Amino acid sequence: MAGPSSDNSTFDLGRQRIGTVYAKALLGAADDAGQTAVVLEELQSLLDDVIAQREDLRHALAGSILTEEQRIDVLNKAFGDKMNPVLLTFLKVVNQHGRQDCLREIYEAAKKIDNERRGLIEVTATTAAPLPEELAASLTDRLKEKLGREIVLKTEVDPDLIGGLVLHVGDTVFDGSLANRLKQLRLKALEKTAQEAKASLERFTNSTQS
């Protein structure tokens, strides 16, 4: 089991690094054109509203059925008169380098870099069930007060957490999940059991020697 997990982690890190490299290039071009906000908004919409919803388009752009020239032709016909020129040119470059499967990582990295430049701090809150809007707003206010900076809150769902929440603030993780608390209780119980077994063994050894 350890092998595949390690391979997946390496694969994900590789995609994240690729995403960061391309994100910097995208932001550079968008900044020069004064179109950064528009480009990021259109890229998010492309991922969430188009590619995620259109399986035929997703396969056409990401698969190996079409040649590079044919995929660029699809981009021109689908988005030529609708998409920001900076983003359309960037998508063609990504396609030429065969990295169209990393668009989500590119967007996430670009958004993170842009938030940091604007003095915003990105926090990811993971819960066992979808976080209600009211609680998300309350959490954002409390984090803003605690960290002293404007917050961009992202929410994710992981049923394995059972309850509570996990916060990722930069490279720091605050694990307040029920799953983690149960894990700590199990570890303490095992440690206590081991200590009691050791003490019983020592008493038995001492009694047989006396």
C-alpha atoms as a PDB file:
ATOM      1  CA  MET A   1       0.000   0.000   0.000  1.00  0.00           C
ATOM      2  CA  ALA A   2       2.903   2.367   0.764  1.00  0.00           C
ATOM      3  CA  GLY A   3       4.170   2.212  -2.809  1.00  0.00           C
ATOM      4  CA  PRO A   4       1.118   3.600  -4.658  1.00  0.00           C
ATOM      5  CA  SER A   5       0.567   6.263  -1.970  1.00  0.00           C
ATOM      6  CA  SER A   6       4.136   7.493  -2.350  1.00  0.00           C
ATOM      7  CA  ASP A   7       3.800   7.507  -6.138  1.00  0.00           C
ATOM      8  CA  ASN A   8       0.567   9.517  -5.943  1.00  0.00           C
ATOM      9  CA  SER A   9       2.160  12.074  -3.592  1.00  0.00           C
ATOM     10  CA  THR A  10       5.092  12.477  -5.959  1.00  0.00           C
ATOM     11  CA  PHE A  11       2.685  12.783  -8.894  1.00  0.00           C
ATOM     12  CA  ASP A  12       0.623  15.450  -7.103  1.00  0.00           C
ATOM     13  CA  LEU A  13       3.734  17.421  -6.117  1.00  0.00           C
ATOM     14  CA  GLY A  14       4.901  17.273  -9.720  1.00  0.00           C
ATOM     15  CA  ARG A  15       1.600  18.665 -10.950  1.00  0.00           C
ATOM     16  CA  GLN A  16       1.688  21.399  -8.285  1.00  0.00           C
ATOM     17  CA  ARG A  17       5.166  22.446  -9.364  1.00  0.00           C
ATOM     18  CA  ILE A  18       4.063  22.517 -13.000  1.00  0.00           C
ATOM     19  CA  GLY A  19       1.005  24.520 -11.968  1.00  0.00           C
ATOM     20  CA  THR A  20       3.155  27.091 -10.174  1.00  0.00           C
ATOM     21  CA  VAL A  21       5.512  27.527 -13.137  1.00  0.00           C
ATOM     22  CA  TYR A  22       2.663  28.071 -15.603  1.00  0.00           C
ATOM     23  CA  ALA A  23       0.731  30.231 -13.105  1.00  0.00           C
ATOM     24  CA  LYS A  24       3.640  32.686 -12.885  1.00  0.00           C
ATOM     25  CA  ALA A  25       3.741  32.883 -16.688  1.00  0.00           C
ATOM     26  CA  LEU A  26      -0.013  33.469 -16.862  1.00  0.00           C
ATOM     27  CA  LEU A  27       0.087  36.183 -14.201  1.00  0.00           C
ATOM     28  CA  GLY A  28       3.026  37.863 -15.931  1.00  0.00           C
ATOM     29  CA  ALA A  29       1.114  38.099 -19.214  1.00  0.00           C
ATOM     30  CA  ALA A  30      -2.133  39.115 -17.497  1.00  0.00           C
ATOM     31  CA  ASP A  31      -0.368  41.793 -15.418  1.00  0.00           C
ATOM     32  CA  ASP A  32       1.275  43.262 -18.526  1.00  0.00           C
ATOM     33  CA  ALA A  33      -2.147  43.502 -20.180  1.00  0.00           C
ATOM     34  CA  GLY A  34      -3.786  44.897 -17.022  1.00  0.00           C
ATOM     35  CA  GLN A  35      -6.273  42.023 -17.183  1.00  0.00           C
ATOM     36  CA  THR A  36      -5.325  39.897 -14.153  1.00  0.00           C
ATOM     37  CA  ALA A  37      -8.723  39.836 -12.427  1.00  0.00           C
ATOM     38  CA  VAL A  38     -10.590  39.137 -15.671  1.00  0.00           C
ATOM     39  CA  VAL A  39      -8.197  36.369 -16.733  1.00  0.00           C
ATOM     40  CA  LEU A  40      -8.417  34.571 -13.374  1.00  0.00           C
ATOM     41  CA  GLU A  41     -12.206  34.885 -13.338  1.00  0.00           C
ATOM     42  CA  GLU A  42     -12.493  33.500 -16.879  1.00  0.00           C
ATOM     43  CA  LEU A  43     -10.103  30.623 -16.129  1.00  0.00           C
ATOM     44  CA  GLN A  44     -12.171  29.657 -13.078  1.00  0.00           C
ATOM     45  CA  SER A  45     -15.359  29.807 -15.145  1.00  0.00           C
ATOM     46  CA  LEU A  46     -13.730  27.731 -17.889  1.00  0.00           C
ATOM     47  CA  LEU A  47     -12.845  25.010 -15.359  1.00  0.00           C
ATOM     48  CA  ASP A  48     -16.083  25.018 -13.344  1.00  0.00           C
ATOM     49  CA  ASP A  49     -18.754  26.004 -15.880  1.00  0.00           C
ATOM     50  CA  VAL A  50     -17.397  24.584 -19.113  1.00  0.00           C
ATOM     51  CA  ILE A  51     -14.780  21.829 -18.820  1.00  0.00           C
ATOM     52  CA  ALA A  52     -16.365  20.279 -15.711  1.00  0.00           C
ATOM     53  CA  GLN A  53     -19.784  20.256 -17.396  1.00  0.00           C
ATOM     54  CA  ARG A  54     -18.848  19.364 -20.990  1.00  0.00           C
ATOM     55  CA  GLU A  55     -17.412  15.859 -21.159  1.00  0.00           C
ATOM     56  CA  ASP A  56     -17.035  16.044 -24.944  1.00  0.00           C
ATOM     57  CA  LEU A  57     -14.987  19.242 -24.738  1.00  0.00           C
ATOM     58  CA  ARG A  58     -12.954  17.877 -21.822  1.00  0.00           C
ATOM     59  CA  HIS A  59     -11.992  14.788 -23.814  1.00  0.00           C
ATOM     60  CA  ALA A  60     -11.318  16.806 -26.954  1.00  0.00           C
ATOM     61  CA  LEU A  61      -8.892  19.132 -25.166  1.00  0.00           C
ATOM     62  CA  ALA A  62      -7.253  16.697 -22.758  1.00  0.00           C
ATOM     63  CA  GLY A  63      -7.274  13.439 -24.729  1.00  0.00           C
ATOM     64  CA  SER A  64      -4.945  12.139 -27.396  1.00  0.00           C
ATOM     65  CA  ILE A  65      -7.678  11.696 -30.016  1.00  0.00           C
ATOM     66  CA  LEU A  66      -6.973  15.063 -31.630  1.00  0.00           C
ATOM     67  CA  THR A  67      -3.653  16.402 -32.822  1.00  0.00           C
ATOM     68  CA  GLU A  68      -2.169  19.559 -31.318  1.00  0.00           C
ATOM     69  CA  GLU A  69      -3.348  21.567 -34.338  1.00  0.00           C
ATOM     70  CA  GLN A  70      -6.858  20.141 -34.057  1.00  0.00           C
ATOM     71  CA  ARG A  71      -7.032  20.970 -30.326  1.00  0.00           C
ATOM     72  CA  ILE A  72      -5.983  24.554 -31.041  1.00  0.00           C
ATOM     73  CA  ASP A  73      -8.664  24.699 -33.730  1.00  0.00           C
ATOM     74  CA  VAL A  74     -11.215  23.561 -31.109  1.00  0.00           C
ATOM     75  CA  LEU A  75     -10.044  26.350 -28.787  1.00  0.00           C
ATOM     76  CA  ASN A  76     -10.393  28.951 -31.534  1.00  0.00           C
ATOM     77  CA  LYS A  77     -13.878  27.811 -32.548  1.00  0.00           C
ATOM     78  CA  ALA A  78     -15.146  27.396 -28.973  1.00  0.00           C
ATOM     79  CA  PHE A  79     -13.637  30.503 -27.361  1.00  0.00           C
ATOM     80  CA  GLY A  80     -12.123  32.687 -30.089  1.00  0.00           C
ATOM     81  CA  ASP A  81     -14.662  35.510 -29.882  1.00  0.00           C
ATOM     82  CA  LYS A  82     -15.679  35.010 -26.249  1.00  0.00           C
ATOM     83  CA  MET A  83     -12.495  34.619 -24.211  1.00  0.00           C
ATOM     84  CA  ASN A  84      -9.930  37.179 -23.096  1.00  0.00           C
ATOM     85  CA  PRO A  85      -7.080  37.077 -25.684  1.00  0.00           C
ATOM     86  CA  VAL A  86      -4.440  36.679 -22.936  1.00  0.00           C
ATOM     87  CA  LEU A  87      -6.141  33.567 -21.601  1.00  0.00           C
ATOM     88  CA  LEU A  88      -6.786  32.115 -25.063  1.00  0.00           C
ATOM     89  CA  THR A  89      -3.120  32.536 -26.023  1.00  0.00           C
ATOM     90  CA  PHE A  90      -2.064  30.980 -22.724  1.00  0.00           C
ATOM     91  CA  LEU A  91      -4.331  27.961 -23.298  1.00  0.00           C
ATOM     92  CA  LYS A  92      -2.735  27.428 -26.698  1.00  0.00           C
ATOM     93  CA  VAL A  93       0.750  27.501 -25.135  1.00  0.00           C
ATOM     94  CA  VAL A  94      -0.363  25.027 -22.458  1.00  0.00           C
ATOM     95  CA  ASN A  95      -1.770  22.801 -25.207  1.00  0.00           C
ATOM     96  CA  GLN A  96       1.459  22.990 -27.218  1.00  0.00           C
ATOM     97  CA  HIS A  97       3.378  21.780 -24.157  1.00  0.00           C
ATOM     98  CA  GLY A  98       0.876  19.018 -23.425  1.00  0.00           C
ATOM     99  CA  ARG A  99       0.010  20.384 -19.973  1.00  0.00           C
ATOM    100  CA  GLN A 100      -3.737  20.905 -20.470  1.00  0.00           C
ATOM    101  CA  ASP A 101      -4.361  18.280 -17.763  1.00  0.00           C
ATOM    102  CA  CYS A 102      -2.800  20.665 -15.211  1.00  0.00           C
ATOM    103  CA  LEU A 103      -5.206  23.582 -15.733  1.00  0.00           C
ATOM    104  CA  ARG A 104      -6.787  23.156 -12.289  1.00  0.00           C
ATOM    105  CA  GLU A 105      -3.356  23.222 -10.605  1.00  0.00           C
ATOM    106  CA  ILE A 106      -2.395  26.251 -12.684  1.00  0.00           C
ATOM    107  CA  TYR A 107      -5.509  28.133 -11.600  1.00  0.00           C
ATOM    108  CA  GLU A 108      -5.076  27.213  -7.911  1.00  0.00           C
ATOM    109  CA  ALA A 109      -1.427  28.349  -7.950  1.00  0.00           C
ATOM    110  CA  ALA A 110      -2.237  31.592  -9.813  1.00  0.00           C
ATOM    111  CA  LYS A 111      -5.042  32.433  -7.394  1.00  0.00           C
ATOM    112  CA  LYS A 112      -2.810  31.735  -4.391  1.00  0.00           C
ATOM    113  CA  ILE A 113       0.017  33.906  -5.745  1.00  0.00           C
ATOM    114  CA  ASP A 114      -2.398  36.720  -6.618  1.00  0.00           C
ATOM    115  CA  ASN A 115      -3.978  36.592  -3.154  1.00  0.00           C
ATOM    116  CA  GLU A 116      -0.548  36.826  -1.512  1.00  0.00           C
ATOM    117  CA  ARG A 117       0.353  39.832  -3.668  1.00  0.00           C
ATOM    118  CA  ARG A 118      -2.849  41.557  -2.540  1.00  0.00           C
ATOM    119  CA  GLY A 119      -2.130  40.876   1.138  1.00  0.00           C
ATOM    120  CA  LEU A 120      -4.853  38.247   1.426  1.00  0.00           C
ATOM    121  CA  ILE A 121      -4.292  34.981   3.258  1.00  0.00           C
ATOM    122  CA  GLU A 122      -5.874  31.799   1.933  1.00  0.00           C
ATOM    123  CA  VAL A 123      -7.355  29.419   4.487  1.00  0.00           C
ATOM    124  CA  THR A 124      -8.832  26.019   3.622  1.00  0.00           C
ATOM    125  CA  ALA A 125     -11.445  24.664   6.036  1.00  0.00           C
ATOM    126  CA  THR A 126     -12.181  20.954   5.651  1.00  0.00           C
ATOM    127  CA  THR A 127     -15.248  19.517   7.352  1.00  0.00           C
ATOM    128  CA  ALA A 128     -17.086  16.193   7.333  1.00  0.00           C
ATOM    129  CA  ALA A 129     -20.177  17.812   5.779  1.00  0.00           C
ATOM    130  CA  PRO A 130     -20.618  21.008   3.720  1.00  0.00           C
ATOM    131  CA  LEU A 131     -20.054  24.088   5.892  1.00  0.00           C
ATOM    132  CA  PRO A 132     -23.215  26.259   6.025  1.00  0.00           C
ATOM    133  CA  GLU A 133     -22.748  29.801   4.685  1.00  0.00           C
ATOM    134  CA  GLU A 134     -23.528  31.323   8.071  1.00  0.00           C
ATOM    135  CA  LEU A 135     -20.819  29.287   9.792  1.00  0.00           C
ATOM    136  CA  ALA A 136     -18.364  29.988   6.960  1.00  0.00           C
ATOM    137  CA  ALA A 137     -18.947  33.732   7.379  1.00  0.00           C
ATOM    138  CA  SER A 138     -18.521  33.470  11.147  1.00  0.00           C
ATOM    139  CA  LEU A 139     -15.326  31.445  10.728  1.00  0.00           C
ATOM    140  CA  THR A 140     -13.965  34.010   8.259  1.00  0.00           C
ATOM    141  CA  ASP A 141     -14.610  36.850  10.729  1.00  0.00           C
ATOM    142  CA  ARG A 142     -12.906  34.988  13.578  1.00  0.00           C
ATOM    143  CA  LEU A 143      -9.881  34.092  11.422  1.00  0.00           C
ATOM    144  CA  LYS A 144      -9.605  37.715  10.243  1.00  0.00           C
ATOM    145  CA  GLU A 145      -9.627  38.908  13.856  1.00  0.00           C
ATOM    146  CA  LYS A 146      -7.124  36.240  14.922  1.00  0.00           C
ATOM    147  CA  LEU A 147      -4.672  36.599  12.009  1.00  0.00           C
ATOM    148  CA  GLY A 148      -5.091  40.354  11.483  1.00  0.00           C
ATOM    149  CA  ARG A 149      -5.440  39.987   7.699  1.00  0.00           C
ATOM    150  CA  GLU A 150      -8.184  39.682   5.133  1.00  0.00           C
ATOM    151  CA  ILE A 151      -9.172  36.042   4.630  1.00  0.00           C
ATOM    152  CA  VAL A 152      -9.988  34.065   1.495  1.00  0.00           C
ATOM    153  CA  LEU A 153     -11.797  31.027   2.850  1.00  0.00           C
ATOM    154  CA  LYS A 154     -11.961  27.846   0.782  1.00  0.00           C
ATOM    155  CA  THR A 155     -14.121  24.974   1.984  1.00  0.00           C
ATOM    156  CA  GLU A 156     -13.689  21.269   1.306  1.00  0.00           C
ATOM    157  CA  VAL A 157     -15.556  18.169   2.460  1.00  0.00           C
ATOM    158  CA  ASP A 158     -13.963  14.966   3.788  1.00  0.00           C
ATOM    159  CA  PRO A 159     -16.464  12.566   5.445  1.00  0.00           C
ATOM    160  CA  ASP A 160     -13.563  10.658   7.055  1.00  0.00           C
ATOM    161  CA  LEU A 161     -13.115  13.558   9.508  1.00  0.00           C
ATOM    162  CA  ILE A 162     -16.414  12.466  11.191  1.00  0.00           C
ATOM    163  CA  GLY A 163     -16.820  15.917  12.834  1.00  0.00           C
ATOM    164  CA  GLY A 164     -14.977  19.130  13.746  1.00  0.00           C
ATOM    165  CA  LEU A 165     -12.765  20.785  11.138  1.00  0.00           C
ATOM    166  CA  VAL A 166      -9.226  21.001   9.817  1.00  0.00           C
ATOM    167  CA  LEU A 167      -7.744  24.385   8.911  1.00  0.00           C
ATOM    168  CA  HIS A 168      -4.854  24.813   6.483  1.00  0.00           C
ATOM    169  CA  VAL A 169      -3.252  28.245   6.858  1.00  0.00           C
ATOM    170  CA  GLY A 170      -0.279  28.349   4.512  1.00  0.00           C
ATOM    171  CA  ASP A 171       1.939  25.431   5.502  1.00  0.00           C
ATOM    172  CA  THR A 172       0.386  25.201   8.993  1.00  0.00           C
ATOM    173  CA  VAL A 173      -2.357  22.686   9.812  1.00  0.00           C
ATOM    174  CA  PHE A 174      -4.754  23.000  12.754  1.00  0.00           C
ATOM    175  CA  ASP A 175      -6.467  19.628  13.132  1.00  0.00           C
ATOM    176  CA  GLY A 176      -9.585  19.939  15.286  1.00  0.00           C
ATOM    177  CA  SER A 177     -11.386  17.026  13.674  1.00  0.00           C
ATOM    178  CA  LEU A 178     -13.191  14.359  15.653  1.00  0.00           C
ATOM    179  CA  ALA A 179     -11.193  11.730  13.760  1.00  0.00           C
ATOM    180  CA  ASN A 180      -7.953  13.266  15.047  1.00  0.00           C
ATOM    181  CA  ARG A 181      -9.245  13.478  18.623  1.00  0.00           C
ATOM    182  CA  LEU A 182     -10.273   9.806  18.486  1.00  0.00           C
ATOM    183  CA  LYS A 183      -6.842   8.935  17.109  1.00  0.00           C
ATOM    184  CA  GLN A 184      -5.169  10.776  20.021  1.00  0.00           C
ATOM    185  CA  LEU A 185      -7.418   8.969  22.509  1.00  0.00           C
ATOM    186  CA  ARG A 186      -6.520   5.619  20.955  1.00  0.00           C
ATOM    187  CA  LEU A 187      -2.817   6.441  21.158  1.00  0.00           C
ATOM    188  CA  LYS A 188      -3.129   7.438  24.835  1.00  0.00           C
ATOM    189  CA  ALA A 189      -5.104   4.264  25.590  1.00  0.00           C
ATOM    190  CA  LEU A 190      -2.459   2.123  23.886  1.00  0.00           C
ATOM    191  CA  GLU A 191       0.312   3.950  25.745  1.00  0.00           C
ATOM    192  CA  LYS A 192      -1.471   3.457  29.083  1.00  0.00           C
ATOM    193  CA  THR A 193      -2.060  -0.234  28.326  1.00  0.00           C
ATOM    194  CA  ALA A 194       1.612  -0.699  27.463  1.00  0.00           C
ATOM    195  CA  GLN A 195       2.702   1.026  30.688  1.00  0.00           C
ATOM    196  CA  GLU A 196       0.333  -1.128  32.774  1.00  0.00           C
ATOM    197  CA  ALA A 197       1.550  -4.315  31.065  1.00  0.00           C
ATOM    198  CA  LYS A 198       5.151  -3.299  31.712  1.00  0.00           C
ATOM    199  CA  ALA A 199       4.406  -2.578  35.397  1.00  0.00           C
ATOM    200  CA  SER A 200       2.601  -5.924  35.797  1.00  0.00           C
ATOM    201  CA  LEU A 201       5.540  -7.748  34.218  1.00  0.00           C
ATOM    202  CA  GLU A 202       7.995  -6.004  36.578  1.00  0.00           C
ATOM    203  CA  ARG A 203       5.856  -6.917  39.629  1.00  0.00           C
ATOM    204  CA  PHE A 204       5.670 -10.533  38.453  1.00  0.00           C
ATOM    205  CA  THR A 205       9.443 -10.651  37.873  1.00  0.00           C
ATOM    206  CA  ASN A 206      10.173  -9.149  41.302  1.00  0.00           C
ATOM    207  CA  SER A 207       7.787 -11.592  43.066  1.00  0.00           C
ATOM    208  CA  THR A 208       9.412 -14.657  41.452  1.00  0.00           C
ATOM    209  CA  GLN A 209      12.894 -13.435  42.431  1.00  0.00           C
ATOM    210  CA  SER A 210      12.051 -12.830  46.108  1.00  0.00           C
END
